[in-house]
């Protein structure tokens, strides 16, 4: 089972995510994660905040 725990402020300087249940030694591609996070800026939202926030791993 994979579990995500987050902490921090949604509109603060940072939001921390702790991911548990990932096998040791699994390679993580930070560039791929950042590409997926950037997809949020191309979608629909309630406001323009998603256009100014730059999410990155």
PDB file of N, CA and C in Angstrom:
ATOM      1  N   UNK A   1       0.849  -1.168   0.000  1.00  0.00           N
ATOM      2  CA  UNK A   1       0.000   0.000   0.000  1.00  0.00           C
ATOM      3  C   UNK A   1       0.901   1.240   0.000  1.00  0.00           C
ATOM      4  N   UNK A   2       0.540   2.231  -0.796  1.00  0.00           N
ATOM      5  CA  UNK A   2       1.256   3.503  -0.841  1.00  0.00           C
ATOM      6  C   UNK A   2       0.431   4.533  -0.093  1.00  0.00           C
ATOM      7  N   UNK A   3       1.094   5.323   0.757  1.00  0.00           N
ATOM      8  CA  UNK A   3       0.391   6.341   1.538  1.00  0.00           C
ATOM      9  C   UNK A   3       1.093   7.679   1.356  1.00  0.00           C
ATOM     10  N   UNK A   4       0.296   8.728   1.140  1.00  0.00           N
ATOM     11  CA  UNK A   4       0.809  10.088   0.999  1.00  0.00           C
ATOM     12  C   UNK A   4       0.386  10.899   2.213  1.00  0.00           C
ATOM     13  N   UNK A   5       1.316  11.624   2.805  1.00  0.00           N
ATOM     14  CA  UNK A   5       1.030  12.540   3.897  1.00  0.00           C
ATOM     15  C   UNK A   5       1.556  13.902   3.484  1.00  0.00           C
ATOM     16  N   UNK A   6       0.746  14.941   3.639  1.00  0.00           N
ATOM     17  CA  UNK A   6       1.186  16.283   3.255  1.00  0.00           C
ATOM     18  C   UNK A   6       1.179  17.197   4.465  1.00  0.00           C
ATOM     19  N   UNK A   7       1.990  18.250   4.369  1.00  0.00           N
ATOM     20  CA  UNK A   7       2.031  19.251   5.422  1.00  0.00           C
ATOM     21  C   UNK A   7       2.456  20.574   4.812  1.00  0.00           C
ATOM     22  N   UNK A   8       2.079  21.649   5.446  1.00  0.00           N
ATOM     23  CA  UNK A   8       2.413  22.977   4.953  1.00  0.00           C
ATOM     24  C   UNK A   8       1.152  23.733   4.566  1.00  0.00           C
ATOM     25  N   UNK A   9       1.338  24.917   4.034  1.00  0.00           N
ATOM     26  CA  UNK A   9       0.210  25.754   3.640  1.00  0.00           C
ATOM     27  C   UNK A   9       0.006  25.667   2.136  1.00  0.00           C
ATOM     28  N   UNK A  10      -1.232  25.555   1.714  1.00  0.00           N
ATOM     29  CA  UNK A  10      -1.507  25.390   0.291  1.00  0.00           C
ATOM     30  C   UNK A  10      -1.031  26.574  -0.536  1.00  0.00           C
ATOM     31  N   UNK A  11      -1.018  27.767   0.035  1.00  0.00           N
ATOM     32  CA  UNK A  11      -0.553  28.937  -0.713  1.00  0.00           C
ATOM     33  C   UNK A  11       0.706  29.535  -0.079  1.00  0.00           C
ATOM     34  N   UNK A  12       1.398  28.739   0.719  1.00  0.00           N
ATOM     35  CA  UNK A  12       2.635  29.200   1.354  1.00  0.00           C
ATOM     36  C   UNK A  12       3.838  28.931   0.462  1.00  0.00           C
ATOM     37  N   UNK A  13       5.015  29.036   1.032  1.00  0.00           N
ATOM     38  CA  UNK A  13       6.254  28.846   0.266  1.00  0.00           C
ATOM     39  C   UNK A  13       6.450  27.407  -0.182  1.00  0.00           C
ATOM     40  N   UNK A  14       5.941  26.462   0.601  1.00  0.00           N
ATOM     41  CA  UNK A  14       6.173  25.059   0.237  1.00  0.00           C
ATOM     42  C   UNK A  14       5.093  24.172   0.828  1.00  0.00           C
ATOM     43  N   UNK A  15       4.854  23.080   0.153  1.00  0.00           N
ATOM     44  CA  UNK A  15       3.989  22.016   0.631  1.00  0.00           C
ATOM     45  C   UNK A  15       4.838  20.752   0.595  1.00  0.00           C
ATOM     46  N   UNK A  16       4.893  20.046   1.698  1.00  0.00           N
ATOM     47  CA  UNK A  16       5.745  18.862   1.810  1.00  0.00           C
ATOM     48  C   UNK A  16       4.878  17.620   1.640  1.00  0.00           C
ATOM     49  N   UNK A  17       5.375  16.651   0.905  1.00  0.00           N
ATOM     50  CA  UNK A  17       4.685  15.374   0.756  1.00  0.00           C
ATOM     51  C   UNK A  17       5.624  14.253   1.192  1.00  0.00           C
ATOM     52  N   UNK A  18       5.118  13.377   2.034  1.00  0.00           N
ATOM     53  CA  UNK A  18       5.853  12.188   2.455  1.00  0.00           C
ATOM     54  C   UNK A  18       5.157  11.005   1.801  1.00  0.00           C
ATOM     55  N   UNK A  19       5.915  10.212   1.064  1.00  0.00           N
ATOM     56  CA  UNK A  19       5.357   9.058   0.357  1.00  0.00           C
ATOM     57  C   UNK A  19       5.908   7.800   1.020  1.00  0.00           C
ATOM     58  N   UNK A  20       5.029   6.974   1.539  1.00  0.00           N
ATOM     59  CA  UNK A  20       5.426   5.729   2.196  1.00  0.00           C
ATOM     60  C   UNK A  20       4.958   4.538   1.373  1.00  0.00           C
ATOM     61  N   UNK A  21       5.688   3.451   1.456  1.00  0.00           N
ATOM     62  CA  UNK A  21       5.298   2.229   0.788  1.00  0.00           C
ATOM     63  C   UNK A  21       5.933   2.044  -0.579  1.00  0.00           C
ATOM     64  N   UNK A  22       6.895   2.897  -0.907  1.00  0.00           N
ATOM     65  CA  UNK A  22       7.612   2.778  -2.168  1.00  0.00           C
ATOM     66  C   UNK A  22       8.825   1.868  -1.923  1.00  0.00           C
ATOM     67  N   UNK A  23       9.076   0.905  -2.796  1.00  0.00           N
ATOM     68  CA  UNK A  23      10.208   0.001  -2.577  1.00  0.00           C
ATOM     69  C   UNK A  23      11.552   0.732  -2.541  1.00  0.00           C
ATOM     70  N   UNK A  24      12.439   0.273  -1.688  1.00  0.00           N
ATOM     71  CA  UNK A  24      13.783   0.853  -1.596  1.00  0.00           C
ATOM     72  C   UNK A  24      14.495   0.693  -2.930  1.00  0.00           C
ATOM     73  N   UNK A  25      15.225   1.709  -3.327  1.00  0.00           N
ATOM     74  CA  UNK A  25      16.007   1.659  -4.549  1.00  0.00           C
ATOM     75  C   UNK A  25      15.238   2.024  -5.804  1.00  0.00           C
ATOM     76  N   UNK A  26      13.947   2.327  -5.685  1.00  0.00           N
ATOM     77  CA  UNK A  26      13.157   2.717  -6.848  1.00  0.00           C
ATOM     78  C   UNK A  26      13.662   4.063  -7.366  1.00  0.00           C
ATOM     79  N   UNK A  27      13.979   4.135  -8.653  1.00  0.00           N
ATOM     80  CA  UNK A  27      14.463   5.378  -9.226  1.00  0.00           C
ATOM     81  C   UNK A  27      13.293   6.329  -9.454  1.00  0.00           C
ATOM     82  N   UNK A  28      13.485   7.588  -9.080  1.00  0.00           N
ATOM     83  CA  UNK A  28      12.461   8.614  -9.229  1.00  0.00           C
ATOM     84  C   UNK A  28      12.961   9.628 -10.249  1.00  0.00           C
ATOM     85  N   UNK A  29      12.153   9.898 -11.264  1.00  0.00           N
ATOM     86  CA  UNK A  29      12.517  10.842 -12.315  1.00  0.00           C
ATOM     87  C   UNK A  29      11.892  12.206 -11.993  1.00  0.00           C
ATOM     88  N   UNK A  30      12.697  13.102 -11.420  1.00  0.00           N
ATOM     89  CA  UNK A  30      12.206  14.402 -10.992  1.00  0.00           C
ATOM     90  C   UNK A  30      11.688  15.226 -12.172  1.00  0.00           C
ATOM     91  N   UNK A  31      12.328  15.129 -13.311  1.00  0.00           N
ATOM     92  CA  UNK A  31      11.885  15.873 -14.502  1.00  0.00           C
ATOM     93  C   UNK A  31      10.482  15.432 -14.915  1.00  0.00           C
ATOM     94  N   UNK A  32      10.224  14.135 -14.890  1.00  0.00           N
ATOM     95  CA  UNK A  32       8.898  13.621 -15.239  1.00  0.00           C
ATOM     96  C   UNK A  32       7.843  14.134 -14.261  1.00  0.00           C
ATOM     97  N   UNK A  33       8.166  14.105 -12.973  1.00  0.00           N
ATOM     98  CA  UNK A  33       7.229  14.595 -11.956  1.00  0.00           C
ATOM     99  C   UNK A  33       6.918  16.067 -12.210  1.00  0.00           C
ATOM    100  N   UNK A  34       7.935  16.872 -12.488  1.00  0.00           N
ATOM    101  CA  UNK A  34       7.722  18.304 -12.740  1.00  0.00           C
ATOM    102  C   UNK A  34       6.891  18.539 -13.994  1.00  0.00           C
ATOM    103  N   UNK A  35       7.073  17.721 -15.016  1.00  0.00           N
ATOM    104  CA  UNK A  35       6.248  17.837 -16.226  1.00  0.00           C
ATOM    105  C   UNK A  35       4.783  17.559 -15.897  1.00  0.00           C
ATOM    106  N   UNK A  36       4.543  16.549 -15.079  1.00  0.00           N
ATOM    107  CA  UNK A  36       3.173  16.223 -14.698  1.00  0.00           C
ATOM    108  C   UNK A  36       2.565  17.332 -13.834  1.00  0.00           C
ATOM    109  N   UNK A  37       3.372  17.907 -12.939  1.00  0.00           N
ATOM    110  CA  UNK A  37       2.872  19.002 -12.110  1.00  0.00           C
ATOM    111  C   UNK A  37       2.521  20.225 -12.956  1.00  0.00           C
ATOM    112  N   UNK A  38       3.265  20.462 -14.024  1.00  0.00           N
ATOM    113  CA  UNK A  38       2.996  21.626 -14.874  1.00  0.00           C
ATOM    114  C   UNK A  38       1.686  21.486 -15.640  1.00  0.00           C
ATOM    115  N   UNK A  39       1.186  20.268 -15.776  1.00  0.00           N
ATOM    116  CA  UNK A  39      -0.088  20.059 -16.462  1.00  0.00           C
ATOM    117  C   UNK A  39      -1.233  20.771 -15.756  1.00  0.00           C
ATOM    118  N   UNK A  40      -1.106  20.977 -14.445  1.00  0.00           N
ATOM    119  CA  UNK A  40      -2.159  21.646 -13.667  1.00  0.00           C
ATOM    120  C   UNK A  40      -2.399  23.054 -14.192  1.00  0.00           C
ATOM    121  N   UNK A  41      -1.339  23.698 -14.641  1.00  0.00           N
ATOM    122  CA  UNK A  41      -1.466  25.082 -15.094  1.00  0.00           C
ATOM    123  C   UNK A  41      -2.211  25.195 -16.417  1.00  0.00           C
ATOM    124  N   UNK A  42      -2.369  24.113 -17.127  1.00  0.00           N
ATOM    125  CA  UNK A  42      -3.044  24.153 -18.416  1.00  0.00           C
ATOM    126  C   UNK A  42      -4.523  23.819 -18.303  1.00  0.00           C
ATOM    127  N   UNK A  43      -4.976  23.425 -17.120  1.00  0.00           N
ATOM    128  CA  UNK A  43      -6.362  23.007 -16.937  1.00  0.00           C
ATOM    129  C   UNK A  43      -7.265  24.155 -16.536  1.00  0.00           C
ATOM    130  N   UNK A  44      -8.436  23.780 -16.098  1.00  0.00           N
ATOM    131  CA  UNK A  44      -9.426  24.758 -15.672  1.00  0.00           C
ATOM    132  C   UNK A  44      -9.392  24.852 -14.157  1.00  0.00           C
ATOM    133  N   UNK A  45      -9.598  26.052 -13.647  1.00  0.00           N
ATOM    134  CA  UNK A  45      -9.601  26.259 -12.208  1.00  0.00           C
ATOM    135  C   UNK A  45     -10.578  27.353 -11.842  1.00  0.00           C
ATOM    136  N   UNK A  46     -10.728  27.546 -10.566  1.00  0.00           N
ATOM    137  CA  UNK A  46     -11.654  28.574 -10.086  1.00  0.00           C
ATOM    138  C   UNK A  46     -11.060  29.967 -10.184  1.00  0.00           C
ATOM    139  N   UNK A  47      -9.747  30.058 -10.172  1.00  0.00           N
ATOM    140  CA  UNK A  47      -9.115  31.360 -10.189  1.00  0.00           C
ATOM    141  C   UNK A  47      -7.841  31.340 -11.005  1.00  0.00           C
ATOM    142  N   UNK A  48      -7.118  32.428 -10.953  1.00  0.00           N
ATOM    143  CA  UNK A  48      -5.893  32.548 -11.747  1.00  0.00           C
ATOM    144  C   UNK A  48      -4.646  32.158 -10.958  1.00  0.00           C
ATOM    145  N   UNK A  49      -4.821  31.723  -9.716  1.00  0.00           N
ATOM    146  CA  UNK A  49      -3.667  31.378  -8.889  1.00  0.00           C
ATOM    147  C   UNK A  49      -2.844  30.264  -9.527  1.00  0.00           C
ATOM    148  N   UNK A  50      -3.500  29.305 -10.166  1.00  0.00           N
ATOM    149  CA  UNK A  50      -2.765  28.195 -10.762  1.00  0.00           C
ATOM    150  C   UNK A  50      -1.857  28.666 -11.892  1.00  0.00           C
ATOM    151  N   UNK A  51      -2.123  29.852 -12.445  1.00  0.00           N
ATOM    152  CA  UNK A  51      -1.280  30.381 -13.514  1.00  0.00           C
ATOM    153  C   UNK A  51       0.002  31.012 -12.971  1.00  0.00           C
ATOM    154  N   UNK A  52      -0.021  31.448 -11.707  1.00  0.00           N
ATOM    155  CA  UNK A  52       1.153  32.124 -11.151  1.00  0.00           C
ATOM    156  C   UNK A  52       1.999  31.215 -10.266  1.00  0.00           C
ATOM    157  N   UNK A  53       1.427  30.111  -9.784  1.00  0.00           N
ATOM    158  CA  UNK A  53       2.186  29.192  -8.933  1.00  0.00           C
ATOM    159  C   UNK A  53       3.017  28.268  -9.806  1.00  0.00           C
ATOM    160  N   UNK A  54       4.240  28.056  -9.440  1.00  0.00           N
ATOM    161  CA  UNK A  54       5.140  27.165 -10.151  1.00  0.00           C
ATOM    162  C   UNK A  54       5.431  25.951  -9.294  1.00  0.00           C
ATOM    163  N   UNK A  55       4.678  24.878  -9.506  1.00  0.00           N
ATOM    164  CA  UNK A  55       4.890  23.650  -8.736  1.00  0.00           C
ATOM    165  C   UNK A  55       6.105  22.915  -9.265  1.00  0.00           C
ATOM    166  N   UNK A  56       6.905  22.369  -8.354  1.00  0.00           N
ATOM    167  CA  UNK A  56       8.055  21.562  -8.757  1.00  0.00           C
ATOM    168  C   UNK A  56       8.430  20.618  -7.632  1.00  0.00           C
ATOM    169  N   UNK A  57       9.008  19.495  -8.027  1.00  0.00           N
ATOM    170  CA  UNK A  57       9.438  18.504  -7.035  1.00  0.00           C
ATOM    171  C   UNK A  57      10.809  18.881  -6.522  1.00  0.00           C
TER     172      UNK A  57
END
